[in-house]
Amino acid sequence: MGKTLLLSLLFCIFTGILSQDSNDVTVIISGSSLLGETKDDYVCATIDWWPPEKCNYNQCPWGQASALNLDLENPLLAKAIAAFGSLRIRLGGSLQDQVVYETSNLESQCTGFTKSSSGLFGFSQGCLSMERWDALNDLFLKTGAVVTFGLNALRGRHLVRKGKYSGAWNGTNARDFIKYTIEKDYPIDSWEFGNELSGSGVGASVAAYQYGKDIITLRTMLSELYENCKIKPLLVAPGGFYEQRWYAQLLQVSGVSAMDAVTHHIYNLGGGNDPHVASRILDPYYLDRISDTFRDLELTIQRHGQWTRAWVGEAGGAYNSGSPLISNSFLNSFWYLDQLGLAAKYKTAVYCRQSLIGGNYGLLDTETFIPNPDYYSALLWHQLMGSGVLSLDISGSPYLRAYAHCSKNKEGVTVLLLNLNRSTAFTVTVQNDINADIGEGFGIERDAFFLHGLKRTVLWIGSKASDGSEMREEYHLTAKDNYELSRIMLLNGAPLELIEGEIPTLNPVLVPVNSPIYVAPLSIVFVVFPNFEAKACNR
């Protein structure tokens, strides 16, 4: 009876594979040199300042997710951060430039944000108490988080006309805050200056010349305060939307080595209520458009600030808190992972996702803290994709996207494949450019591959990672019930869900290293090749 049931199951799977359209694709990887290098903590997530009253499209999706009110004692929050080992967390956002710090010299009472028609974004000034700052750092220290903190860059300036601010930055409150942080021995990796004040700004803007002068002031301040510290923090700025002339002038005015990284924000899918968000995520030509921004910023840095590196300081896909049905679903991982891959190709060192929690685009659910699909996508990237970025050539349909990195903490190469097509599967052969003309894998008959895929289905059950040189690791991500807006992601056919309150281990399936890769329609695959010859990865 059991054998009959198994044969029936295999027949159904085999029939399903044959019923899908499939295209053959070859990916050729160049391992002789690197396109660029990310930081080891490339994957980053933000904690914002928005209070519960922040609403968009008749929704108020932020709840208790602000740096001021987030439940820091929730065990899932700590577990979700600690699972990365070194998750970079950026504290910042739209209200950042209205935050003051409760130091001994603060002249006003320390209270949270309240609704205010005269304030930026409809909110008053808010205050970070040192008690809350201590609690935040307790969490960061306990979980191994790498912290980037966004400073208020509007303090001391005056409004000269709608949205335009003038005058020098008053860094007194920031200085006291940073001094307190040093005295408490909190290991801040980087201080970011301002949020979305560049160019025409969002709500407020400051001229590039004045901003550059203020960065020099902040750099001098940090040098003085950290003079006796072994580890010096980075200074990053401006945390805004890229405008070439403004960014170029900022680098020229601030001068050599004032800034360690140039940060910019990306929300390239439109507003959260835009009806085209889903179609844009699966449109390879639309996804490619943001390449112009990455490329232009790379050139600006080459010409005016070779001492700096590009960071994406905030990216949420859809702006105004994200899309209520899409940003927290499986579908969003195609945009997210594709942009992680694309940004790395253009020498982006850090990529901060909006948000860790809060809004519709949180990696964690705002109310339950349960991970959304993009959390697991981020975790897989962090665990598998090393800092070395490799170039590749890909034949075939533009709906199959591919990225390659040196593997993380092990020899070999890891490839990310994203199938944006809802109905077509891809049979992918990955080869090294040094033997692309003679490598195994070409000329394999499709029927033979389907038989291999059929056998592999059985091998998936109970497979565990191995260091064996003749097998590769595969991580296939799909949506539960093939529903692209599902909030449950499957890894190799099994749902990614908490196990007795713990983040699940992300285990691969093992496949013969020289066999083709089957990429199902609307699926994502990470493939780890253990002995791929890539000289650039062995430095």
Protein backbone atom coordinates (compact mmCIF):
# COMPACT_ATOMS: atom_id res chain seq x y z
CA MET A 1 0.00 0.00 0.00
CA GLY A 2 2.80 2.40 0.96
CA LYS A 3 4.74 1.62 -2.24
CA THR A 4 1.63 2.24 -4.36
CA LEU A 5 1.04 5.59 -2.67
CA LEU A 6 4.68 6.64 -3.23
CA LEU A 7 4.54 5.69 -6.91
CA SER A 8 1.31 7.64 -7.34
CA LEU A 9 2.89 10.68 -5.69
CA LEU A 10 5.97 10.49 -7.92
CA PHE A 11 3.80 10.14 -11.02
CA CYS A 12 1.86 13.29 -10.09
CA ILE A 13 5.09 15.23 -9.53
CA PHE A 14 6.56 13.98 -12.79
CA THR A 15 3.39 14.93 -14.68
CA GLY A 16 3.46 18.37 -13.11
CA ILE A 17 7.05 18.95 -14.18
CA LEU A 18 6.35 17.88 -17.75
CA SER A 19 3.28 20.14 -17.94
CA GLN A 20 5.34 23.28 -17.34
CA ASP A 21 7.03 25.18 -20.11
CA SER A 22 10.80 25.12 -19.61
CA ASN A 23 13.67 27.06 -21.16
CA ASP A 24 17.35 26.17 -21.13
CA VAL A 25 19.63 28.87 -19.76
CA THR A 26 23.40 29.01 -19.30
CA VAL A 27 25.03 31.18 -16.64
CA ILE A 28 28.76 31.74 -17.08
CA ILE A 29 30.59 33.14 -14.05
CA SER A 30 33.89 34.99 -14.16
CA GLY A 31 35.90 34.24 -11.06
CA SER A 32 39.14 35.94 -12.03
CA SER A 33 38.32 39.36 -10.53
CA LEU A 34 35.70 41.04 -8.37
CA LEU A 35 33.15 43.57 -9.56
CA GLY A 36 33.12 44.98 -6.06
CA GLU A 37 32.97 44.12 -2.39
CA THR A 38 30.21 44.62 0.13
CA LYS A 39 30.70 44.87 3.86
CA ASP A 40 30.20 41.63 5.77
CA ASP A 41 27.13 43.23 7.33
CA TYR A 42 25.77 44.26 3.93
CA VAL A 43 22.24 43.29 4.95
CA CYS A 44 20.83 46.02 7.18
CA ALA A 45 17.38 46.84 8.53
CA THR A 46 15.98 50.06 9.95
CA ILE A 47 14.17 51.02 13.12
CA ASP A 48 12.17 54.20 12.48
CA TRP A 49 10.73 56.97 14.64
CA TRP A 50 7.12 56.94 13.43
CA PRO A 51 4.49 56.99 16.23
CA PRO A 52 1.23 55.00 16.05
CA GLU A 53 -0.55 58.03 14.58
CA LYS A 54 1.43 57.77 11.31
CA CYS A 55 -1.22 56.84 8.72
CA ASN A 56 -1.37 56.35 4.96
CA TYR A 57 -4.30 55.34 2.73
CA ASN A 58 -6.69 55.12 5.72
CA GLN A 59 -4.30 52.74 7.47
CA CYS A 60 -2.06 53.28 10.48
CA PRO A 61 0.41 50.39 10.16
CA TRP A 62 3.19 51.48 12.51
CA GLY A 63 1.68 50.57 15.85
CA GLN A 64 4.29 50.20 18.59
CA ALA A 65 7.28 49.88 16.24
CA SER A 66 9.12 53.15 16.87
CA ALA A 67 12.56 53.44 18.45
CA LEU A 68 10.67 55.15 21.29
CA ASN A 69 7.96 52.56 21.95
CA LEU A 70 9.05 49.21 20.45
CA ASP A 71 8.73 46.31 22.89
CA LEU A 72 12.42 45.61 23.41
CA GLU A 73 11.63 42.70 25.74
CA ASN A 74 9.77 40.69 23.11
CA PRO A 75 11.82 37.48 22.81
CA LEU A 76 11.10 37.17 19.08
CA LEU A 77 12.69 40.55 18.41
CA ALA A 78 15.97 39.50 20.01
CA LYS A 79 15.92 36.08 18.34
CA ALA A 80 15.21 37.59 14.92
CA ILE A 81 18.19 39.96 15.21
CA ALA A 82 20.53 37.42 16.80
CA ALA A 83 19.88 34.89 14.01
CA PHE A 84 22.04 37.05 11.73
CA GLY A 85 24.96 37.12 14.12
CA SER A 86 25.78 40.67 13.00
CA LEU A 87 22.69 42.41 11.64
CA ARG A 88 23.31 46.08 10.93
CA ILE A 89 20.50 48.20 12.32
CA ARG A 90 20.05 51.80 11.26
CA LEU A 91 18.05 54.02 13.61
CA GLY A 92 16.62 56.80 11.51
CA GLY A 93 13.80 57.99 9.32
CA SER A 94 11.64 60.95 8.43
CA LEU A 95 11.27 62.27 11.99
CA GLN A 96 15.00 61.90 12.68
CA ASP A 97 15.63 65.62 12.18
CA GLN A 98 13.07 66.46 14.86
CA VAL A 99 14.62 64.22 17.55
CA VAL A 100 16.43 65.76 20.50
CA TYR A 101 18.38 63.84 23.11
CA GLU A 102 17.76 63.99 26.86
CA THR A 103 21.19 65.06 27.98
CA SER A 104 21.93 67.21 31.01
CA ASN A 105 21.96 70.39 28.92
CA LEU A 106 18.62 69.82 27.20
CA GLU A 107 16.51 72.88 27.92
CA SER A 108 13.11 71.38 27.03
CA GLN A 109 11.10 68.56 28.58
CA CYS A 110 11.72 65.10 27.09
CA THR A 111 8.46 63.92 25.54
CA GLY A 112 7.46 61.82 22.55
CA PHE A 113 6.06 62.90 19.21
CA THR A 114 2.57 64.36 19.06
CA LYS A 115 0.39 65.45 16.17
CA SER A 116 1.18 69.03 15.17
CA SER A 117 -0.01 70.87 12.07
CA SER A 118 3.03 73.16 12.23
CA GLY A 119 5.61 70.37 12.52
CA LEU A 120 7.39 68.49 9.75
CA PHE A 121 5.23 65.61 8.48
CA GLY A 122 2.49 66.73 10.87
CA PHE A 123 4.37 65.90 14.07
CA SER A 124 6.06 67.85 16.85
CA GLN A 125 9.59 67.49 18.09
CA GLY A 126 10.26 64.20 19.90
CA CYS A 127 12.84 63.25 22.50
CA LEU A 128 15.03 60.19 23.07
CA SER A 129 15.58 59.69 26.79
CA MET A 130 18.86 58.24 27.96
CA GLU A 131 16.92 55.51 29.77
CA ARG A 132 15.46 54.45 26.42
CA TRP A 133 18.86 54.75 24.74
CA ASP A 134 20.30 52.44 27.40
CA ALA A 135 17.54 49.92 26.78
CA LEU A 136 18.09 50.00 23.02
CA ASN A 137 21.80 49.39 23.50
CA ASP A 138 21.09 46.50 25.86
CA LEU A 139 19.21 44.87 22.99
CA PHE A 140 21.95 45.64 20.47
CA LEU A 141 24.71 44.29 22.68
CA LYS A 142 22.74 41.15 23.51
CA THR A 143 22.03 40.35 19.86
CA GLY A 144 25.33 41.35 18.23
CA ALA A 145 23.74 44.14 16.18
CA VAL A 146 25.94 46.61 14.29
CA VAL A 147 24.49 50.08 14.89
CA THR A 148 24.20 53.08 12.58
CA PHE A 149 22.52 56.03 14.31
CA GLY A 150 20.99 58.93 12.38
CA LEU A 151 21.58 62.34 13.97
CA ASN A 152 19.30 65.36 13.80
CA ALA A 153 20.84 67.60 11.12
CA LEU A 154 18.23 70.38 11.24
CA ARG A 155 18.89 71.58 14.77
CA GLY A 156 19.84 75.26 14.88
CA ARG A 157 18.71 76.05 11.35
CA HIS A 158 15.84 78.36 10.42
CA LEU A 159 13.15 78.08 7.78
CA VAL A 160 13.66 80.69 5.05
CA ARG A 161 10.87 79.59 2.72
CA LYS A 162 8.68 76.55 2.28
CA GLY A 163 10.82 73.49 2.89
CA LYS A 164 14.13 75.38 2.64
CA TYR A 165 16.34 75.66 5.73
CA SER A 166 19.34 77.91 6.16
CA GLY A 167 22.03 78.54 8.76
CA ALA A 168 24.73 76.41 10.36
CA TRP A 169 23.98 73.23 12.26
CA ASN A 170 23.93 73.47 16.03
CA GLY A 171 25.67 70.31 17.23
CA THR A 172 25.60 70.98 20.99
CA ASN A 173 22.85 68.48 21.80
CA ALA A 174 24.35 65.88 19.47
CA ARG A 175 27.77 66.34 21.06
CA ASP A 176 26.38 65.73 24.55
CA PHE A 177 24.55 62.65 23.28
CA ILE A 178 27.62 61.21 21.57
CA LYS A 179 29.72 61.92 24.67
CA TYR A 180 27.19 60.04 26.81
CA THR A 181 27.30 57.13 24.33
CA ILE A 182 31.11 56.97 24.57
CA GLU A 183 31.03 57.12 28.36
CA LYS A 184 28.62 54.17 28.39
CA ASP A 185 30.96 52.31 26.02
CA TYR A 186 28.23 51.69 23.46
CA PRO A 187 29.93 50.49 20.23
CA ILE A 188 28.26 52.67 17.58
CA ASP A 189 29.63 51.62 14.19
CA SER A 190 28.58 54.77 12.36
CA TRP A 191 26.87 58.12 12.81
CA GLU A 192 24.67 59.28 9.95
CA PHE A 193 24.03 62.98 9.44
CA GLY A 194 20.46 63.87 8.51
CA ASN A 195 17.59 62.22 6.68
CA GLU A 196 16.30 63.18 3.22
CA LEU A 197 17.52 66.79 3.36
CA SER A 198 19.49 66.50 0.11
CA GLY A 199 18.54 68.12 -3.18
CA SER A 200 14.94 69.26 -3.15
CA GLY A 201 14.46 67.26 0.06
CA VAL A 202 11.40 65.53 1.47
CA GLY A 203 9.62 68.00 3.71
CA ALA A 204 12.85 69.95 4.29
CA SER A 205 16.12 70.59 2.49
CA VAL A 206 19.52 72.17 3.12
CA ALA A 207 21.90 73.51 0.47
CA ALA A 208 24.81 71.22 -0.37
CA TYR A 209 27.43 73.88 0.45
CA GLN A 210 26.14 74.38 4.01
CA TYR A 211 25.64 70.63 4.47
CA GLY A 212 29.25 70.02 3.47
CA LYS A 213 30.48 72.58 5.99
CA ASP A 214 28.38 70.97 8.71
CA ILE A 215 29.84 67.55 7.92
CA ILE A 216 33.31 69.02 8.51
CA THR A 217 32.03 70.27 11.88
CA LEU A 218 30.69 66.83 12.76
CA ARG A 219 33.90 65.12 11.64
CA THR A 220 35.94 67.44 13.88
CA MET A 221 33.57 66.74 16.75
CA LEU A 222 33.86 62.96 16.33
CA SER A 223 37.64 63.16 16.10
CA GLU A 224 37.78 65.06 19.38
CA LEU A 225 35.28 62.89 21.25
CA TYR A 226 36.75 59.60 20.07
CA GLU A 227 40.39 60.71 20.38
CA ASN A 228 41.20 58.20 23.12
CA CYS A 229 39.03 55.38 21.74
CA LYS A 230 40.64 52.43 19.96
CA ILE A 231 37.75 52.02 17.53
CA LYS A 232 36.61 55.10 15.61
CA PRO A 233 33.08 55.28 14.18
CA LEU A 234 32.30 56.01 10.56
CA LEU A 235 30.61 59.22 9.45
CA VAL A 236 28.01 58.65 6.74
CA ALA A 237 25.69 61.08 4.96
CA PRO A 238 23.40 62.52 3.64
CA GLY A 239 20.71 59.80 3.75
CA GLY A 240 18.61 61.31 0.97
CA PHE A 241 17.45 60.78 -2.58
CA TYR A 242 20.29 61.00 -5.04
CA GLU A 243 20.62 64.17 -7.12
CA GLN A 244 23.94 64.29 -8.95
CA ARG A 245 24.80 68.00 -8.62
CA TRP A 246 23.91 68.16 -4.94
CA TYR A 247 25.87 65.00 -4.06
CA ALA A 248 28.89 66.10 -6.12
CA GLN A 249 28.99 69.49 -4.41
CA LEU A 250 28.62 67.85 -1.00
CA LEU A 251 31.69 65.70 -1.62
CA GLN A 252 33.68 68.65 -2.97
CA VAL A 253 32.85 70.94 -0.04
CA SER A 254 33.28 68.39 2.75
CA GLY A 255 36.61 67.31 1.30
CA VAL A 256 38.91 64.33 1.54
CA SER A 257 37.99 61.72 4.15
CA ALA A 258 35.29 63.78 5.87
CA MET A 259 32.68 61.17 4.96
CA ASP A 260 33.30 57.44 5.01
CA ALA A 261 30.17 56.55 3.07
CA VAL A 262 27.61 58.28 0.88
CA THR A 263 24.10 57.14 1.75
CA HIS A 264 21.04 57.37 -0.48
CA HIS A 265 17.43 56.16 -0.36
CA ILE A 266 15.43 54.12 -2.88
CA TYR A 267 11.67 53.67 -3.22
CA ASN A 268 11.40 52.71 -6.87
CA LEU A 269 8.08 50.81 -6.90
CA GLY A 270 5.84 53.85 -6.38
CA GLY A 271 3.42 54.62 -3.57
CA GLY A 272 1.95 51.94 -1.36
CA ASN A 273 -1.47 52.36 -3.02
CA ASP A 274 -0.10 52.23 -6.57
CA PRO A 275 -1.97 49.48 -8.50
CA HIS A 276 1.17 48.70 -10.53
CA VAL A 277 3.45 47.66 -7.66
CA ALA A 278 2.98 43.92 -8.27
CA SER A 279 3.53 44.12 -12.01
CA ARG A 280 6.64 46.26 -11.54
CA ILE A 281 8.18 43.69 -9.22
CA LEU A 282 7.95 41.05 -11.96
CA ASP A 283 9.00 43.32 -14.84
CA PRO A 284 12.75 42.86 -15.49
CA TYR A 285 12.91 46.02 -17.59
CA TYR A 286 11.38 48.07 -14.80
CA LEU A 287 13.71 46.53 -12.22
CA ASP A 288 16.69 47.51 -14.38
CA ARG A 289 15.79 51.21 -14.34
CA ILE A 290 17.29 51.76 -10.90
CA SER A 291 20.66 50.72 -12.36
CA ASP A 292 20.99 54.27 -13.69
CA THR A 293 20.96 55.63 -10.13
CA PHE A 294 23.50 53.08 -8.88
CA ARG A 295 25.76 53.70 -11.89
CA ASP A 296 25.54 57.49 -11.66
CA LEU A 297 26.34 57.52 -7.94
CA GLU A 298 29.27 55.19 -8.55
CA LEU A 299 30.63 57.64 -11.14
CA THR A 300 30.08 60.62 -8.84
CA ILE A 301 32.08 58.89 -6.11
CA GLN A 302 34.86 58.03 -8.55
CA ARG A 303 35.12 61.66 -9.68
CA HIS A 304 34.60 63.52 -6.42
CA GLY A 305 35.00 61.18 -3.44
CA GLN A 306 37.11 58.10 -4.01
CA TRP A 307 37.67 57.83 -0.26
CA THR A 308 33.96 57.03 0.30
CA ARG A 309 31.71 54.08 -0.45
CA ALA A 310 28.07 53.98 -1.51
CA TRP A 311 25.44 52.78 0.97
CA VAL A 312 21.73 52.37 0.48
CA GLY A 313 20.64 53.89 3.77
CA GLU A 314 16.94 53.14 3.34
CA ALA A 315 14.91 51.19 0.79
CA GLY A 316 11.38 49.92 1.16
CA GLY A 317 10.24 49.36 -2.40
CA ALA A 318 6.91 51.18 -2.10
CA TYR A 319 6.90 54.46 -0.17
CA ASN A 320 4.34 55.74 2.36
CA SER A 321 4.73 52.71 4.64
CA GLY A 322 4.71 50.17 1.82
CA SER A 323 1.93 48.28 0.05
CA PRO A 324 -0.57 46.68 2.47
CA LEU A 325 -0.93 43.45 0.48
CA ILE A 326 2.42 43.18 -1.29
CA SER A 327 5.28 44.53 0.82
CA ASN A 328 4.90 41.81 3.46
CA SER A 329 4.27 38.97 0.99
CA PHE A 330 6.35 36.37 -0.84
CA LEU A 331 6.11 38.42 -4.05
CA ASN A 332 8.08 41.29 -2.53
CA SER A 333 11.17 39.08 -2.16
CA PHE A 334 11.70 39.24 -5.92
CA TRP A 335 12.14 43.02 -5.70
CA TYR A 336 14.14 42.84 -2.48
CA LEU A 337 16.64 40.15 -3.47
CA ASP A 338 17.01 41.54 -6.97
CA GLN A 339 17.88 44.95 -5.58
CA LEU A 340 20.35 43.46 -3.09
CA GLY A 341 22.06 41.80 -6.06
CA LEU A 342 21.89 44.84 -8.31
CA ALA A 343 23.17 47.27 -5.68
CA ALA A 344 26.14 45.03 -4.89
CA LYS A 345 27.14 45.00 -8.57
CA TYR A 346 27.57 48.78 -8.40
CA LYS A 347 29.90 48.69 -5.38
CA THR A 348 27.25 49.33 -2.74
CA ALA A 349 28.77 48.36 0.61
CA VAL A 350 25.62 48.36 2.80
CA TYR A 351 21.92 47.99 1.99
CA CYS A 352 19.41 49.00 4.68
CA ARG A 353 15.89 47.66 4.33
CA GLN A 354 12.98 49.75 5.56
CA SER A 355 12.12 48.33 7.99
CA LEU A 356 13.05 45.72 10.58
CA ILE A 357 9.59 46.21 12.02
CA GLY A 358 6.85 48.75 11.34
CA GLY A 359 4.77 49.81 8.36
CA ASN A 360 3.68 47.26 5.79
CA TYR A 361 7.25 46.55 4.70
CA GLY A 362 8.66 45.26 7.98
CA LEU A 363 10.78 42.14 7.97
CA LEU A 364 8.83 41.30 11.12
CA ASP A 365 5.09 41.63 11.60
CA THR A 366 4.34 44.82 13.53
CA GLU A 367 1.92 43.20 15.97
CA THR A 368 3.13 39.61 16.35
CA PHE A 369 6.88 40.01 15.56
CA ILE A 370 6.57 36.86 13.41
CA PRO A 371 8.96 37.01 10.41
CA ASN A 372 7.53 37.89 7.02
CA PRO A 373 8.92 36.21 3.86
CA ASP A 374 11.51 38.94 3.26
CA TYR A 375 13.04 38.20 6.67
CA TYR A 376 14.04 34.74 5.48
CA SER A 377 15.24 36.14 2.14
CA ALA A 378 17.47 38.56 4.04
CA LEU A 379 18.73 35.83 6.36
CA LEU A 380 19.59 33.50 3.47
CA TRP A 381 21.47 36.28 1.69
CA HIS A 382 23.38 37.09 4.87
CA GLN A 383 24.28 33.46 5.49
CA LEU A 384 25.19 32.47 1.93
CA MET A 385 26.33 35.48 -0.12
CA GLY A 386 29.86 36.60 0.72
CA SER A 387 31.31 40.08 0.26
CA GLY A 388 33.00 39.39 -3.09
CA VAL A 389 30.78 40.26 -6.06
CA LEU A 390 31.39 38.32 -9.29
CA SER A 391 30.42 39.16 -12.85
CA LEU A 392 28.41 36.76 -14.95
CA ASP A 393 26.83 36.37 -18.36
CA ILE A 394 23.41 34.82 -18.77
CA SER A 395 21.73 33.58 -21.92
CA GLY A 396 18.03 33.32 -22.50
CA SER A 397 14.99 35.07 -21.08
CA PRO A 398 15.31 38.39 -19.20
CA TYR A 399 12.76 36.97 -16.73
CA LEU A 400 15.48 34.87 -15.15
CA ARG A 401 17.70 37.13 -13.05
CA ALA A 402 21.06 35.91 -11.76
CA TYR A 403 23.70 37.17 -9.33
CA ALA A 404 26.92 35.54 -8.11
CA HIS A 405 29.09 36.15 -5.03
CA CYS A 406 31.93 34.36 -3.34
CA SER A 407 30.39 32.07 -0.77
CA LYS A 408 30.14 33.27 2.83
CA ASN A 409 32.78 31.86 5.19
CA LYS A 410 33.60 28.93 2.92
CA GLU A 411 35.26 28.17 -0.38
CA GLY A 412 33.28 28.32 -3.58
CA VAL A 413 30.63 30.49 -5.18
CA THR A 414 26.96 31.13 -4.41
CA VAL A 415 24.49 31.96 -7.17
CA LEU A 416 21.09 33.61 -6.72
CA LEU A 417 18.45 32.87 -9.37
CA LEU A 418 15.09 34.64 -9.55
CA ASN A 419 12.41 33.42 -11.94
CA LEU A 420 9.99 36.32 -12.51
CA ASN A 421 7.82 34.29 -14.90
CA ARG A 422 4.54 32.91 -13.58
CA SER A 423 4.30 30.03 -16.08
CA THR A 424 7.77 29.18 -17.40
CA ALA A 425 10.40 27.13 -15.61
CA PHE A 426 14.11 27.35 -16.40
CA THR A 427 16.72 24.64 -16.68
CA VAL A 428 19.95 26.37 -15.69
CA THR A 429 23.51 25.25 -16.30
CA VAL A 430 26.17 27.20 -14.36
CA GLN A 431 29.72 27.22 -15.69
CA ASN A 432 33.07 28.83 -15.09
CA ASP A 433 34.30 31.13 -17.87
CA ILE A 434 37.67 29.33 -17.90
CA ASN A 435 36.06 26.13 -19.21
CA ALA A 436 32.69 27.27 -20.53
CA ASP A 437 33.22 25.64 -23.91
CA ILE A 438 34.01 22.19 -22.55
CA GLY A 439 32.24 22.02 -19.22
CA GLU A 440 29.78 19.32 -18.37
CA GLY A 441 26.12 20.13 -18.59
CA PHE A 442 25.74 21.19 -22.22
CA GLY A 443 23.70 18.96 -24.47
CA ILE A 444 21.73 17.36 -21.65
CA GLU A 445 18.39 16.17 -22.92
CA ARG A 446 15.41 17.78 -21.23
CA ASP A 447 13.73 14.44 -20.57
CA ALA A 448 16.83 13.23 -18.77
CA PHE A 449 16.74 16.34 -16.59
CA PHE A 450 13.12 15.81 -15.70
CA LEU A 451 13.93 12.26 -14.61
CA HIS A 452 16.74 13.67 -12.49
CA GLY A 453 14.31 16.21 -11.02
CA LEU A 454 11.92 13.37 -10.26
CA LYS A 455 14.60 11.43 -8.36
CA ARG A 456 15.69 14.59 -6.60
CA THR A 457 12.22 15.09 -5.16
CA VAL A 458 12.74 12.05 -2.99
CA LEU A 459 16.23 13.15 -1.94
CA TRP A 460 14.83 16.46 -0.63
CA ILE A 461 13.19 14.76 2.34
CA GLY A 462 15.43 15.03 5.41
CA SER A 463 18.49 16.34 3.55
CA LYS A 464 21.07 18.22 5.56
CA ALA A 465 24.04 20.42 4.70
CA SER A 466 27.31 18.71 3.92
CA ASP A 467 30.88 19.65 3.12
CA GLY A 468 31.04 16.95 0.44
CA SER A 469 32.81 18.19 -2.67
CA GLU A 470 30.60 16.30 -5.13
CA MET A 471 27.32 17.79 -3.99
CA ARG A 472 26.03 21.34 -4.04
CA GLU A 473 23.50 23.03 -1.78
CA GLU A 474 20.20 24.36 -3.12
CA TYR A 475 17.63 26.54 -1.35
CA HIS A 476 14.36 26.78 -3.33
CA LEU A 477 11.94 29.49 -2.18
CA THR A 478 8.29 29.40 -3.28
CA ALA A 479 4.96 30.71 -2.04
CA LYS A 480 2.61 28.57 0.02
CA ASP A 481 -0.15 27.13 -2.19
CA ASN A 482 1.48 28.94 -5.12
CA TYR A 483 -0.22 32.13 -3.91
CA GLU A 484 2.25 34.91 -4.67
CA LEU A 485 0.81 37.23 -2.02
CA SER A 486 1.12 34.60 0.68
CA ARG A 487 2.84 35.64 3.88
CA ILE A 488 4.24 32.14 4.26
CA MET A 489 7.33 31.20 2.27
CA LEU A 490 8.33 27.61 1.55
CA LEU A 491 11.95 26.47 1.67
CA ASN A 492 12.42 23.33 -0.42
CA GLY A 493 8.70 22.68 -0.08
CA ALA A 494 8.46 23.14 3.71
CA PRO A 495 6.87 26.22 5.29
CA LEU A 496 9.21 28.63 7.06
CA GLU A 497 7.50 29.05 10.39
CA LEU A 498 8.61 29.42 13.98
CA ILE A 499 9.43 26.14 15.71
CA GLU A 500 8.43 26.35 19.36
CA GLY A 501 9.09 30.07 19.26
CA GLU A 502 12.49 29.74 17.59
CA ILE A 503 13.70 30.97 14.19
CA PRO A 504 13.94 27.82 12.01
CA THR A 505 17.26 26.59 10.67
CA LEU A 506 17.51 27.17 6.91
CA ASN A 507 18.65 23.81 5.57
CA PRO A 508 19.47 23.10 1.90
CA VAL A 509 18.85 20.08 -0.27
CA LEU A 510 21.88 18.35 -1.75
CA VAL A 511 22.20 17.86 -5.48
CA PRO A 512 25.00 16.43 -7.69
CA VAL A 513 27.23 19.40 -8.40
CA ASN A 514 27.33 19.02 -12.20
CA SER A 515 23.60 18.60 -12.77
CA PRO A 516 21.44 21.44 -14.15
CA ILE A 517 19.33 23.54 -11.80
CA TYR A 518 15.55 23.47 -12.09
CA VAL A 519 14.03 26.88 -11.33
CA ALA A 520 10.27 26.60 -11.05
CA PRO A 521 7.93 29.40 -12.20
CA LEU A 522 7.84 32.32 -9.76
CA SER A 523 10.52 30.87 -7.53
CA ILE A 524 13.85 31.91 -6.05
CA VAL A 525 16.88 29.65 -5.75
CA PHE A 526 20.19 30.06 -3.91
CA VAL A 527 22.81 27.58 -5.10
CA VAL A 528 26.11 27.02 -3.29
CA PHE A 529 28.90 25.47 -5.41
CA PRO A 530 31.55 24.20 -2.98
CA ASN A 531 34.61 23.88 -5.25
CA PHE A 532 33.94 26.46 -7.93
CA GLU A 533 37.30 27.76 -9.14
CA ALA A 534 37.25 31.52 -8.55
CA LYS A 535 40.67 33.03 -7.91
CA ALA A 536 39.14 36.31 -6.82
CA CYS A 537 37.47 34.53 -3.90
CA ASN A 538 40.71 33.05 -2.58
CA ARG A 539 42.53 36.25 -1.73
